Amino acid sequence: MPIYFRPLFALSTACAMLFALLIGLGVWQLQRLHWKLALIEQVNRNMHARPVQLGGGGHLEWEPETNYLRVLVGGRFVNSKEAYIFGIGPEGGPVYHVIVPFLTDNGEMYLVDRGIVPRDLRNPATRPAGIRNAETKVVGIWRWAEAPGAFTPKPDLAKRLWYFKDVGAIARADGIKLWEPPGLIEADATPNPGGWPRGGQTVVAFRNEHLQYAITWFLMAAGLLGVYLAYHVSKGRLGLRRP
């Protein structure tokens, strides 16, 4: 039997525009999914590649692809300017990340996250074996500076205690000028004398919910189409024409 269909013009126009929007949002999320998967793959390559030498006047371009880049730098720690960032350790307990300025032989300054210490070892006097004063090399993961959130607690400058890896603010508090553009080197798991600080604390966490979002938009488009057709059936404008 032939199908007859007498669409309502205004409703059909509105539904067609909304349907196109929902499909477009779903396609956009699929594009974002491919971009995110490519970015994750790039980061994994960066973290396992041969380290890039810093400290020789080279320059890293600020791009997502250079985040989590494995780097190597040689020089000396400025241990008198240790700073501490409160965090949660691998076992779920409170720890401090030890942030130390690092001066290269050609005068470039970086901040290095040497790793974590438990609360009772925040004072460097409690871990003298782990203080590096001699010329040394650091291999770690390069992280671009990020801005703290609106609800991040303010730092305790008297205790040199921070609640976010606010690279620029830590440098300003110390009166040091970082290599531009500023970032942070998170030291790898190479053991330190005395066992502390404990490096290798880089966490790679990318939210990747684009596929779920795409499915949601496509399901909403399908639902809209179903409601649109059901409404026309209920009004006798869509159905099978009897001979």
C-alpha atoms as a PDB file:
ATOM      1  CA  MET A   1       0.000   0.000   0.000  1.00  0.00           C
ATOM      2  CA  PRO A   2       1.300   3.494  -0.806  1.00  0.00           C
ATOM      3  CA  ILE A   3       2.322   5.835   2.017  1.00  0.00           C
ATOM      4  CA  TYR A   4       0.739   9.253   2.312  1.00  0.00           C
ATOM      5  CA  PHE A   5       2.394  12.125   4.172  1.00  0.00           C
ATOM      6  CA  ARG A   6       1.073  15.645   4.634  1.00  0.00           C
ATOM      7  CA  PRO A   7       3.673  17.408   6.807  1.00  0.00           C
ATOM      8  CA  LEU A   8       2.910  20.464   8.905  1.00  0.00           C
ATOM      9  CA  PHE A   9       5.122  23.186   7.443  1.00  0.00           C
ATOM     10  CA  ALA A  10       6.073  25.161  10.572  1.00  0.00           C
ATOM     11  CA  LEU A  11       6.651  22.065  12.703  1.00  0.00           C
ATOM     12  CA  SER A  12       8.592  20.345   9.926  1.00  0.00           C
ATOM     13  CA  THR A  13      10.836  23.377   9.433  1.00  0.00           C
ATOM     14  CA  ALA A  14      11.610  23.661  13.136  1.00  0.00           C
ATOM     15  CA  CYS A  15      12.230  19.921  13.517  1.00  0.00           C
ATOM     16  CA  ALA A  16      14.446  19.819  10.425  1.00  0.00           C
ATOM     17  CA  MET A  17      16.625  22.607  11.806  1.00  0.00           C
ATOM     18  CA  LEU A  18      16.862  20.947  15.223  1.00  0.00           C
ATOM     19  CA  PHE A  19      17.562  17.553  13.651  1.00  0.00           C
ATOM     20  CA  ALA A  20      20.389  19.025  11.565  1.00  0.00           C
ATOM     21  CA  LEU A  21      21.828  20.686  14.679  1.00  0.00           C
ATOM     22  CA  LEU A  22      21.796  17.424  16.657  1.00  0.00           C
ATOM     23  CA  ILE A  23      23.418  15.493  13.830  1.00  0.00           C
ATOM     24  CA  GLY A  24      26.026  18.230  13.464  1.00  0.00           C
ATOM     25  CA  LEU A  25      26.849  18.065  17.173  1.00  0.00           C
ATOM     26  CA  GLY A  26      27.222  14.297  16.939  1.00  0.00           C
ATOM     27  CA  VAL A  27      29.584  14.574  13.965  1.00  0.00           C
ATOM     28  CA  TRP A  28      31.570  17.275  15.770  1.00  0.00           C
ATOM     29  CA  GLN A  29      32.006  14.968  18.777  1.00  0.00           C
ATOM     30  CA  LEU A  30      33.268  12.204  16.490  1.00  0.00           C
ATOM     31  CA  GLN A  31      35.821  14.648  15.099  1.00  0.00           C
ATOM     32  CA  ARG A  32      36.828  15.556  18.647  1.00  0.00           C
ATOM     33  CA  LEU A  33      37.146  11.843  19.433  1.00  0.00           C
ATOM     34  CA  HIS A  34      39.642  11.320  16.604  1.00  0.00           C
ATOM     35  CA  TRP A  35      41.569  14.420  17.702  1.00  0.00           C
ATOM     36  CA  LYS A  36      41.713  13.215  21.330  1.00  0.00           C
ATOM     37  CA  LEU A  37      42.839   9.707  20.349  1.00  0.00           C
ATOM     38  CA  ALA A  38      45.612  11.199  18.193  1.00  0.00           C
ATOM     39  CA  LEU A  39      46.677  13.465  21.078  1.00  0.00           C
ATOM     40  CA  ILE A  40      46.815  10.540  23.531  1.00  0.00           C
ATOM     41  CA  GLU A  41      48.894   8.554  21.055  1.00  0.00           C
ATOM     42  CA  GLN A  42      51.268  11.518  20.641  1.00  0.00           C
ATOM     43  CA  VAL A  43      51.653  11.898  24.409  1.00  0.00           C
ATOM     44  CA  ASN A  44      52.430   8.199  24.801  1.00  0.00           C
ATOM     45  CA  ARG A  45      55.115   8.527  22.131  1.00  0.00           C
ATOM     46  CA  ASN A  46      56.540  11.628  23.829  1.00  0.00           C
ATOM     47  CA  MET A  47      56.796   9.953  27.227  1.00  0.00           C
ATOM     48  CA  HIS A  48      58.698   6.953  25.881  1.00  0.00           C
ATOM     49  CA  ALA A  49      60.893   8.726  23.340  1.00  0.00           C
ATOM     50  CA  ARG A  50      64.539   9.655  23.671  1.00  0.00           C
ATOM     51  CA  PRO A  51      64.712  12.753  25.926  1.00  0.00           C
ATOM     52  CA  VAL A  52      65.014  16.164  24.307  1.00  0.00           C
ATOM     53  CA  GLN A  53      67.994  18.185  25.574  1.00  0.00           C
ATOM     54  CA  LEU A  54      67.096  21.473  27.267  1.00  0.00           C
ATOM     55  CA  GLY A  55      69.383  24.130  28.635  1.00  0.00           C
ATOM     56  CA  GLY A  56      71.258  24.870  25.435  1.00  0.00           C
ATOM     57  CA  GLY A  57      69.284  27.842  24.231  1.00  0.00           C
ATOM     58  CA  GLY A  58      66.743  25.644  22.464  1.00  0.00           C
ATOM     59  CA  HIS A  59      63.089  26.511  22.324  1.00  0.00           C
ATOM     60  CA  LEU A  60      59.938  24.461  22.739  1.00  0.00           C
ATOM     61  CA  GLU A  61      56.864  25.679  20.934  1.00  0.00           C
ATOM     62  CA  TRP A  62      53.753  25.855  23.098  1.00  0.00           C
ATOM     63  CA  GLU A  63      51.605  23.159  21.524  1.00  0.00           C
ATOM     64  CA  PRO A  64      49.540  20.311  22.990  1.00  0.00           C
ATOM     65  CA  GLU A  65      51.874  17.891  21.188  1.00  0.00           C
ATOM     66  CA  THR A  66      54.854  19.083  23.236  1.00  0.00           C
ATOM     67  CA  ASN A  67      53.096  18.561  26.564  1.00  0.00           C
ATOM     68  CA  TYR A  68      54.334  15.458  28.406  1.00  0.00           C
ATOM     69  CA  LEU A  69      57.549  15.608  26.381  1.00  0.00           C
ATOM     70  CA  ARG A  70      60.464  13.637  27.830  1.00  0.00           C
ATOM     71  CA  VAL A  71      63.371  16.036  28.429  1.00  0.00           C
ATOM     72  CA  LEU A  72      66.921  16.107  29.783  1.00  0.00           C
ATOM     73  CA  VAL A  73      68.556  19.065  31.469  1.00  0.00           C
ATOM     74  CA  GLY A  74      71.919  19.534  33.189  1.00  0.00           C
ATOM     75  CA  GLY A  75      72.872  22.030  35.890  1.00  0.00           C
ATOM     76  CA  ARG A  76      72.405  22.609  39.617  1.00  0.00           C
ATOM     77  CA  PHE A  77      69.436  22.727  41.965  1.00  0.00           C
ATOM     78  CA  VAL A  78      68.862  25.961  43.894  1.00  0.00           C
ATOM     79  CA  ASN A  79      67.951  24.076  47.061  1.00  0.00           C
ATOM     80  CA  SER A  80      67.499  27.196  49.179  1.00  0.00           C
ATOM     81  CA  LYS A  81      64.299  27.936  47.253  1.00  0.00           C
ATOM     82  CA  GLU A  82      62.429  24.649  47.694  1.00  0.00           C
ATOM     83  CA  ALA A  83      58.645  24.981  47.465  1.00  0.00           C
ATOM     84  CA  TYR A  84      56.004  22.397  48.334  1.00  0.00           C
ATOM     85  CA  ILE A  85      52.728  21.472  46.733  1.00  0.00           C
ATOM     86  CA  PHE A  86      50.183  19.551  48.741  1.00  0.00           C
ATOM     87  CA  GLY A  87      48.860  16.441  47.041  1.00  0.00           C
ATOM     88  CA  ILE A  88      47.585  12.905  47.460  1.00  0.00           C
ATOM     89  CA  GLY A  89      50.114  10.096  47.086  1.00  0.00           C
ATOM     90  CA  PRO A  90      49.750   6.755  45.298  1.00  0.00           C
ATOM     91  CA  GLU A  91      48.563   5.100  48.536  1.00  0.00           C
ATOM     92  CA  GLY A  92      45.902   7.751  49.056  1.00  0.00           C
ATOM     93  CA  GLY A  93      47.630   9.631  51.869  1.00  0.00           C
ATOM     94  CA  PRO A  94      48.724  13.285  51.970  1.00  0.00           C
ATOM     95  CA  VAL A  95      52.136  14.084  50.492  1.00  0.00           C
ATOM     96  CA  TYR A  96      54.124  17.078  49.293  1.00  0.00           C
ATOM     97  CA  HIS A  97      55.628  17.547  45.858  1.00  0.00           C
ATOM     98  CA  VAL A  98      59.077  19.115  46.233  1.00  0.00           C
ATOM     99  CA  ILE A  99      59.523  21.904  43.655  1.00  0.00           C
ATOM    100  CA  VAL A 100      63.085  23.171  43.207  1.00  0.00           C
ATOM    101  CA  PRO A 101      64.520  25.777  40.808  1.00  0.00           C
ATOM    102  CA  PHE A 102      67.165  24.349  38.490  1.00  0.00           C
ATOM    103  CA  LEU A 103      69.878  26.538  36.949  1.00  0.00           C
ATOM    104  CA  THR A 104      71.634  25.343  33.807  1.00  0.00           C
ATOM    105  CA  ASP A 105      75.241  26.093  32.922  1.00  0.00           C
ATOM    106  CA  ASN A 106      74.160  28.726  30.386  1.00  0.00           C
ATOM    107  CA  GLY A 107      71.921  30.534  32.863  1.00  0.00           C
ATOM    108  CA  GLU A 108      68.475  29.155  31.982  1.00  0.00           C
ATOM    109  CA  MET A 109      66.169  28.606  34.949  1.00  0.00           C
ATOM    110  CA  TYR A 110      63.557  25.860  35.216  1.00  0.00           C
ATOM    111  CA  LEU A 111      61.344  24.496  37.955  1.00  0.00           C
ATOM    112  CA  VAL A 112      61.702  20.788  38.672  1.00  0.00           C
ATOM    113  CA  ASP A 113      59.185  18.665  40.539  1.00  0.00           C
ATOM    114  CA  ARG A 114      61.652  16.264  42.155  1.00  0.00           C
ATOM    115  CA  GLY A 115      58.853  14.020  43.391  1.00  0.00           C
ATOM    116  CA  ILE A 116      56.916  13.456  46.593  1.00  0.00           C
ATOM    117  CA  VAL A 117      57.781  13.236  50.285  1.00  0.00           C
ATOM    118  CA  PRO A 118      55.535  12.296  53.214  1.00  0.00           C
ATOM    119  CA  ARG A 119      54.348  15.081  55.485  1.00  0.00           C
ATOM    120  CA  ASP A 120      56.990  14.396  58.138  1.00  0.00           C
ATOM    121  CA  LEU A 121      59.781  14.856  55.558  1.00  0.00           C
ATOM    122  CA  ARG A 122      58.725  18.207  54.153  1.00  0.00           C
ATOM    123  CA  ASN A 123      61.576  19.941  55.975  1.00  0.00           C
ATOM    124  CA  PRO A 124      64.764  19.360  53.913  1.00  0.00           C
ATOM    125  CA  ALA A 125      66.736  18.969  57.173  1.00  0.00           C
ATOM    126  CA  THR A 126      64.945  15.622  57.683  1.00  0.00           C
ATOM    127  CA  ARG A 127      66.267  14.221  54.371  1.00  0.00           C
ATOM    128  CA  PRO A 128      69.829  15.576  53.952  1.00  0.00           C
ATOM    129  CA  ALA A 129      70.909  12.613  51.796  1.00  0.00           C
ATOM    130  CA  GLY A 130      68.406  13.609  49.125  1.00  0.00           C
ATOM    131  CA  ILE A 131      69.650  17.184  48.718  1.00  0.00           C
ATOM    132  CA  ARG A 132      71.662  17.516  45.501  1.00  0.00           C
ATOM    133  CA  ASN A 133      74.158  20.371  45.547  1.00  0.00           C
ATOM    134  CA  ALA A 134      76.572  19.114  42.900  1.00  0.00           C
ATOM    135  CA  GLU A 135      76.260  19.341  39.133  1.00  0.00           C
ATOM    136  CA  THR A 136      73.629  16.844  38.041  1.00  0.00           C
ATOM    137  CA  LYS A 137      71.359  15.818  35.196  1.00  0.00           C
ATOM    138  CA  VAL A 138      67.597  15.480  35.422  1.00  0.00           C
ATOM    139  CA  VAL A 139      65.427  13.411  33.104  1.00  0.00           C
ATOM    140  CA  GLY A 140      61.728  14.080  33.383  1.00  0.00           C
ATOM    141  CA  ILE A 141      58.448  14.944  31.739  1.00  0.00           C
ATOM    142  CA  TRP A 142      57.835  18.476  30.498  1.00  0.00           C
ATOM    143  CA  ARG A 143      54.486  19.944  31.510  1.00  0.00           C
ATOM    144  CA  TRP A 144      53.244  23.309  30.292  1.00  0.00           C
ATOM    145  CA  ALA A 145      52.159  25.766  32.965  1.00  0.00           C
ATOM    146  CA  GLU A 146      48.447  25.793  33.775  1.00  0.00           C
ATOM    147  CA  ALA A 147      46.244  28.257  35.616  1.00  0.00           C
ATOM    148  CA  PRO A 148      44.756  27.341  39.001  1.00  0.00           C
ATOM    149  CA  GLY A 149      41.015  26.856  39.322  1.00  0.00           C
ATOM    150  CA  ALA A 150      38.633  29.358  40.868  1.00  0.00           C
ATOM    151  CA  PHE A 151      38.371  27.288  44.061  1.00  0.00           C
ATOM    152  CA  THR A 152      42.083  26.503  44.492  1.00  0.00           C
ATOM    153  CA  PRO A 153      43.166  27.525  48.024  1.00  0.00           C
ATOM    154  CA  LYS A 154      45.619  30.383  48.278  1.00  0.00           C
ATOM    155  CA  PRO A 155      49.236  29.437  49.003  1.00  0.00           C
ATOM    156  CA  ASP A 156      50.835  29.735  52.426  1.00  0.00           C
ATOM    157  CA  LEU A 157      53.843  31.834  51.440  1.00  0.00           C
ATOM    158  CA  ALA A 158      55.361  31.711  54.908  1.00  0.00           C
ATOM    159  CA  LYS A 159      55.592  27.915  54.692  1.00  0.00           C
ATOM    160  CA  ARG A 160      56.252  27.972  50.924  1.00  0.00           C
ATOM    161  CA  LEU A 161      53.235  25.719  50.606  1.00  0.00           C
ATOM    162  CA  TRP A 162      51.015  25.645  47.508  1.00  0.00           C
ATOM    163  CA  TYR A 163      47.938  23.687  46.486  1.00  0.00           C
ATOM    164  CA  PHE A 164      48.452  23.772  42.741  1.00  0.00           C
ATOM    165  CA  LYS A 165      51.450  23.578  40.413  1.00  0.00           C
ATOM    166  CA  ASP A 166      51.233  27.289  39.688  1.00  0.00           C
ATOM    167  CA  VAL A 167      54.604  27.605  37.964  1.00  0.00           C
ATOM    168  CA  GLY A 168      54.468  31.336  37.302  1.00  0.00           C
ATOM    169  CA  ALA A 169      53.343  32.266  40.811  1.00  0.00           C
ATOM    170  CA  ILE A 170      55.990  30.077  42.464  1.00  0.00           C
ATOM    171  CA  ALA A 171      58.686  31.709  40.337  1.00  0.00           C
ATOM    172  CA  ARG A 172      57.414  35.198  41.177  1.00  0.00           C
ATOM    173  CA  ALA A 173      57.387  34.379  44.883  1.00  0.00           C
ATOM    174  CA  ASP A 174      61.033  33.313  44.602  1.00  0.00           C
ATOM    175  CA  GLY A 175      62.014  36.308  42.490  1.00  0.00           C
ATOM    176  CA  ILE A 176      63.357  34.114  39.693  1.00  0.00           C
ATOM    177  CA  LYS A 177      62.873  34.422  35.951  1.00  0.00           C
ATOM    178  CA  LEU A 178      62.003  31.158  34.250  1.00  0.00           C
ATOM    179  CA  TRP A 179      62.921  30.073  30.747  1.00  0.00           C
ATOM    180  CA  GLU A 180      60.095  31.140  28.447  1.00  0.00           C
ATOM    181  CA  PRO A 181      57.473  29.944  27.890  1.00  0.00           C
ATOM    182  CA  PRO A 182      57.326  28.614  31.466  1.00  0.00           C
ATOM    183  CA  GLY A 183      56.707  24.993  32.295  1.00  0.00           C
ATOM    184  CA  LEU A 184      57.564  22.338  34.847  1.00  0.00           C
ATOM    185  CA  ILE A 185      59.848  19.316  34.625  1.00  0.00           C
ATOM    186  CA  GLU A 186      58.455  16.354  36.560  1.00  0.00           C
ATOM    187  CA  ALA A 187      61.469  14.192  37.418  1.00  0.00           C
ATOM    188  CA  ASP A 188      61.402  10.523  36.484  1.00  0.00           C
ATOM    189  CA  ALA A 189      61.659   7.597  38.902  1.00  0.00           C
ATOM    190  CA  THR A 190      65.479   7.598  39.078  1.00  0.00           C
ATOM    191  CA  PRO A 191      66.136   6.879  42.790  1.00  0.00           C
ATOM    192  CA  ASN A 192      67.387   9.764  44.921  1.00  0.00           C
ATOM    193  CA  PRO A 193      69.932   9.222  47.712  1.00  0.00           C
ATOM    194  CA  GLY A 194      68.058   8.401  50.878  1.00  0.00           C
ATOM    195  CA  GLY A 195      64.965   7.475  48.860  1.00  0.00           C
ATOM    196  CA  TRP A 196      63.358  10.940  48.944  1.00  0.00           C
ATOM    197  CA  PRO A 197      61.954  12.815  47.099  1.00  0.00           C
ATOM    198  CA  ARG A 198      60.398   9.969  45.109  1.00  0.00           C
ATOM    199  CA  GLY A 199      60.084  10.889  41.435  1.00  0.00           C
ATOM    200  CA  GLY A 200      58.095   9.323  38.640  1.00  0.00           C
ATOM    201  CA  GLN A 201      54.813  10.842  39.800  1.00  0.00           C
ATOM    202  CA  THR A 202      53.568  12.094  36.433  1.00  0.00           C
ATOM    203  CA  VAL A 203      49.911  11.210  35.952  1.00  0.00           C
ATOM    204  CA  VAL A 204      48.457  11.243  32.439  1.00  0.00           C
ATOM    205  CA  ALA A 205      44.718  11.705  32.653  1.00  0.00           C
ATOM    206  CA  PHE A 206      42.793  12.759  29.564  1.00  0.00           C
ATOM    207  CA  ARG A 207      39.023  12.842  29.734  1.00  0.00           C
ATOM    208  CA  ASN A 208      37.771  11.104  26.621  1.00  0.00           C
ATOM    209  CA  GLU A 209      33.982  10.988  26.647  1.00  0.00           C
ATOM    210  CA  HIS A 210      33.473  12.190  23.090  1.00  0.00           C
ATOM    211  CA  LEU A 211      32.060   8.865  21.891  1.00  0.00           C
ATOM    212  CA  GLN A 212      29.412   8.923  24.639  1.00  0.00           C
ATOM    213  CA  TYR A 213      28.562  12.507  23.737  1.00  0.00           C
ATOM    214  CA  ALA A 214      28.303  11.627  20.038  1.00  0.00           C
ATOM    215  CA  ILE A 215      25.980   8.698  20.784  1.00  0.00           C
ATOM    216  CA  THR A 216      23.855  10.962  22.978  1.00  0.00           C
ATOM    217  CA  TRP A 217      23.430  13.563  20.228  1.00  0.00           C
ATOM    218  CA  PHE A 218      22.597  10.897  17.620  1.00  0.00           C
ATOM    219  CA  LEU A 219      20.070   9.259  19.953  1.00  0.00           C
ATOM    220  CA  MET A 220      18.442  12.632  20.574  1.00  0.00           C
ATOM    221  CA  ALA A 221      18.221  13.157  16.806  1.00  0.00           C
ATOM    222  CA  ALA A 222      16.646   9.710  16.399  1.00  0.00           C
ATOM    223  CA  GLY A 223      14.223  10.448  19.235  1.00  0.00           C
ATOM    224  CA  LEU A 224      13.236  13.754  17.659  1.00  0.00           C
ATOM    225  CA  LEU A 225      12.585  12.015  14.347  1.00  0.00           C
ATOM    226  CA  GLY A 226      10.491   9.374  16.080  1.00  0.00           C
ATOM    227  CA  VAL A 227       8.377  11.960  17.922  1.00  0.00           C
ATOM    228  CA  TYR A 228       7.946  13.975  14.731  1.00  0.00           C
ATOM    229  CA  LEU A 229       6.680  10.952  12.784  1.00  0.00           C
ATOM    230  CA  ALA A 230       4.486   9.733  15.652  1.00  0.00           C
ATOM    231  CA  TYR A 231       2.858  13.163  15.920  1.00  0.00           C
ATOM    232  CA  HIS A 232       1.977  13.165  12.221  1.00  0.00           C
ATOM    233  CA  VAL A 233       0.575   9.648  12.520  1.00  0.00           C
ATOM    234  CA  SER A 234      -1.585  10.726  15.469  1.00  0.00           C
ATOM    235  CA  LYS A 235      -2.960  13.646  13.421  1.00  0.00           C
ATOM    236  CA  GLY A 236      -3.763  11.418  10.454  1.00  0.00           C
ATOM    237  CA  ARG A 237      -1.106  13.055   8.286  1.00  0.00           C
ATOM    238  CA  LEU A 238       1.113   9.998   7.922  1.00  0.00           C
ATOM    239  CA  GLY A 239       0.111   6.463   7.210  1.00  0.00           C
ATOM    240  CA  LEU A 240      -0.760   3.858   4.622  1.00  0.00           C
ATOM    241  CA  ARG A 241      -3.269   4.788   1.966  1.00  0.00           C
ATOM    242  CA  ARG A 242      -5.870   2.085   1.528  1.00  0.00           C
ATOM    243  CA  PRO A 243      -6.786   1.213  -2.066  1.00  0.00           C
END
